[in-house]
């Protein structure tokens, strides 16, 4: 089980406990901090060791960990500064260890990245960017599809997405 702990600027891994059949109650790995007791904020987009407000985490079949993060504090629009593009999508590549830096910034300049979802057809990853009202599909590090770009009014405030096995993605709107 992976948890984006945005209040402590970190991502935690809770391993499977084979004796209970449930995730362990104690995390065994932390990303975004040097240890389990720290909660330092990232100092900007170039800081790959620290996170600031991680909002979503997904792990692909190869063990790569994808994290959306907003390294600078949004200050307007009810906590969402849609004029500031400092959000990012980070990749942590195995072998994973506590305190490691991200191996790659897949995208820098997201307005307010939120949901992540692995695409079962392409093996890529979808990223919801709330302020731009777009959802982008990255395949092998390249944006191959953008939803909402030409018709932002139809996906205003895109709140997330999901998949049906072997099917296309679908979006849902937050009503704004």
Protein backbone atom coordinates (compact mmCIF):
# COMPACT_ATOMS: atom_id res chain seq x y z
CA UNK A 1 0.00 0.00 0.00
CA UNK A 2 1.37 3.42 -1.00
CA UNK A 3 0.14 6.62 0.67
CA UNK A 4 0.73 10.24 -0.40
CA UNK A 5 1.06 11.93 3.01
CA UNK A 6 0.81 15.54 1.84
CA UNK A 7 0.73 17.02 5.36
CA UNK A 8 4.21 15.63 5.99
CA UNK A 9 5.54 16.16 2.45
CA UNK A 10 6.24 12.48 1.85
CA UNK A 11 5.10 9.21 0.31
CA UNK A 12 4.99 6.08 2.46
CA UNK A 13 5.07 2.38 1.58
CA UNK A 14 3.28 -0.09 3.84
CA UNK A 15 4.37 -3.65 2.94
CA UNK A 16 1.99 -6.59 2.71
CA UNK A 17 1.85 -8.63 5.92
CA UNK A 18 1.50 -12.28 4.86
CA UNK A 19 0.37 -13.41 8.31
CA UNK A 20 -2.62 -11.03 8.43
CA UNK A 21 -3.27 -10.73 4.70
CA UNK A 22 -3.33 -6.92 5.13
CA UNK A 23 -0.87 -4.08 4.73
CA UNK A 24 1.47 -3.64 7.68
CA UNK A 25 0.55 -0.94 10.20
CA UNK A 26 4.12 0.38 9.98
CA UNK A 27 5.64 1.91 6.87
CA UNK A 28 8.99 0.47 5.76
CA UNK A 29 10.01 3.15 3.24
CA UNK A 30 9.64 6.93 2.88
CA UNK A 31 10.15 9.01 -0.28
CA UNK A 32 10.43 12.78 -0.17
CA UNK A 33 12.16 12.90 3.23
CA UNK A 34 15.50 11.69 4.57
CA UNK A 35 13.79 9.68 7.33
CA UNK A 36 10.40 8.98 8.93
CA UNK A 37 10.64 11.92 11.34
CA UNK A 38 11.40 14.76 8.88
CA UNK A 39 8.83 16.82 7.01
CA UNK A 40 10.91 19.46 5.18
CA UNK A 41 9.29 21.08 2.15
CA UNK A 42 10.87 20.98 -1.28
CA UNK A 43 12.66 24.25 -1.94
CA UNK A 44 11.58 24.37 -5.58
CA UNK A 45 11.21 22.33 -8.72
CA UNK A 46 14.89 21.34 -8.80
CA UNK A 47 14.79 19.70 -5.36
CA UNK A 48 14.44 15.99 -6.14
CA UNK A 49 15.08 14.77 -2.58
CA UNK A 50 12.14 16.52 -0.90
CA UNK A 51 8.44 16.70 -1.74
CA UNK A 52 5.93 19.44 -1.04
CA UNK A 53 2.29 18.46 -0.97
CA UNK A 54 2.39 15.15 -2.87
CA UNK A 55 -1.14 14.53 -4.04
CA UNK A 56 -1.13 11.16 -5.74
CA UNK A 57 1.03 8.06 -6.08
CA UNK A 58 0.95 5.03 -8.40
CA UNK A 59 3.34 2.11 -8.92
CA UNK A 60 3.67 0.34 -12.27
CA UNK A 61 4.43 -3.34 -12.89
CA UNK A 62 8.19 -2.68 -13.04
CA UNK A 63 8.13 -1.05 -9.58
CA UNK A 64 8.54 2.55 -10.75
CA UNK A 65 6.82 4.95 -8.36
CA UNK A 66 5.05 7.97 -9.90
CA UNK A 67 4.29 10.95 -7.64
CA UNK A 68 2.52 14.24 -8.37
CA UNK A 69 3.87 17.11 -6.31
CA UNK A 70 3.52 20.90 -5.97
CA UNK A 71 6.89 22.18 -4.74
CA UNK A 72 5.85 25.81 -4.16
CA UNK A 73 2.88 26.95 -2.09
CA UNK A 74 -0.13 28.07 -4.17
CA UNK A 75 -1.40 31.34 -2.71
CA UNK A 76 -4.61 32.35 -4.40
CA UNK A 77 -7.89 31.02 -5.79
CA UNK A 78 -8.80 29.12 -2.65
CA UNK A 79 -5.42 27.43 -2.41
CA UNK A 80 -5.05 26.77 -6.13
CA UNK A 81 -2.86 29.31 -7.90
CA UNK A 82 -3.72 28.59 -11.49
CA UNK A 83 -1.25 31.22 -12.75
CA UNK A 84 1.70 29.38 -11.23
CA UNK A 85 2.95 26.31 -13.05
CA UNK A 86 5.35 24.64 -10.64
CA UNK A 87 3.71 21.25 -10.17
CA UNK A 88 5.59 18.19 -11.32
CA UNK A 89 5.35 14.49 -12.00
CA UNK A 90 8.30 12.59 -10.48
CA UNK A 91 9.52 9.03 -11.02
CA UNK A 92 11.39 7.01 -8.41
CA UNK A 93 13.01 3.94 -10.01
CA UNK A 94 13.97 0.71 -8.18
CA UNK A 95 15.91 -0.14 -6.18
CA UNK A 96 13.96 2.10 -3.81
CA UNK A 97 15.39 3.34 -0.53
CA UNK A 98 14.34 5.74 2.19
CA UNK A 99 15.42 9.29 1.42
CA UNK A 100 16.39 8.66 -2.20
CA UNK A 101 16.04 11.43 -4.77
CA UNK A 102 13.62 11.07 -7.65
CA UNK A 103 15.37 9.61 -10.70
CA UNK A 104 13.38 11.61 -13.20
CA UNK A 105 11.06 14.58 -13.56
CA UNK A 106 8.61 13.32 -16.17
CA UNK A 107 6.92 16.72 -16.38
CA UNK A 108 7.64 20.08 -14.76
CA UNK A 109 5.19 22.96 -15.06
CA UNK A 110 1.87 21.38 -14.14
CA UNK A 111 -0.58 23.91 -12.69
CA UNK A 112 -2.13 21.75 -9.98
CA UNK A 113 -1.46 18.06 -10.58
CA UNK A 114 -3.78 15.67 -8.86
CA UNK A 115 -4.93 12.21 -9.83
CA UNK A 116 -2.72 9.59 -11.42
CA UNK A 117 -3.84 6.41 -13.08
CA UNK A 118 -1.95 3.70 -14.94
CA UNK A 119 -3.32 3.02 -18.42
CA UNK A 120 -3.99 -0.72 -18.83
CA UNK A 121 -3.82 -0.53 -22.64
CA UNK A 122 -0.66 1.51 -23.28
CA UNK A 123 1.19 0.97 -20.00
CA UNK A 124 1.45 4.75 -19.73
CA UNK A 125 0.27 7.03 -16.96
CA UNK A 126 -2.57 9.58 -16.95
CA UNK A 127 -2.17 12.84 -15.01
CA UNK A 128 -5.04 15.16 -14.07
CA UNK A 129 -4.07 18.85 -13.97
CA UNK A 130 -6.92 20.60 -12.18
CA UNK A 131 -6.17 24.21 -13.12
CA UNK A 132 -5.56 23.63 -16.82
CA UNK A 133 -8.58 21.33 -16.89
CA UNK A 134 -6.60 18.74 -18.81
CA UNK A 135 -5.73 15.11 -18.43
CA UNK A 136 -2.54 13.98 -20.16
CA UNK A 137 -1.37 10.48 -21.06
CA UNK A 138 2.39 9.88 -20.88
CA UNK A 139 3.72 6.82 -22.71
CA UNK A 140 7.47 6.19 -22.49
CA UNK A 141 7.93 9.73 -21.17
CA UNK A 142 6.07 11.45 -24.01
CA UNK A 143 2.60 13.03 -23.94
CA UNK A 144 0.58 11.02 -26.44
CA UNK A 145 -2.93 12.20 -25.62
CA UNK A 146 -4.51 15.26 -24.01
CA UNK A 147 -8.14 15.26 -22.92
CA UNK A 148 -9.96 18.53 -22.33
CA UNK A 149 -7.54 20.74 -24.24
CA UNK A 150 -9.88 21.78 -27.05
CA UNK A 151 -13.04 21.93 -24.98
CA UNK A 152 -12.13 23.00 -21.45
CA UNK A 153 -15.69 24.01 -20.61
CA UNK A 154 -16.80 20.39 -20.92
CA UNK A 155 -14.22 19.17 -18.40
CA UNK A 156 -14.13 22.17 -16.06
CA UNK A 157 -12.55 21.32 -12.75
CA UNK A 158 -11.73 17.78 -13.83
CA UNK A 159 -11.76 15.91 -10.54
CA UNK A 160 -10.32 12.60 -11.61
CA UNK A 161 -10.44 9.64 -13.91
CA UNK A 162 -10.68 5.90 -13.86
CA UNK A 163 -10.61 2.89 -16.16
CA UNK A 164 -12.73 -0.06 -17.02
CA UNK A 165 -10.58 -3.16 -17.58
CA UNK A 166 -9.52 -3.22 -21.26
CA UNK A 167 -11.53 -0.06 -21.84
CA UNK A 168 -11.06 3.64 -22.39
CA UNK A 169 -10.52 6.18 -19.61
CA UNK A 170 -13.44 8.16 -18.34
CA UNK A 171 -13.39 11.50 -16.54
CA UNK A 172 -15.62 12.92 -13.90
CA UNK A 173 -16.24 16.58 -13.20
CA UNK A 174 -16.29 18.25 -9.80
CA UNK A 175 -19.29 20.33 -10.86
CA UNK A 176 -17.54 23.68 -11.33
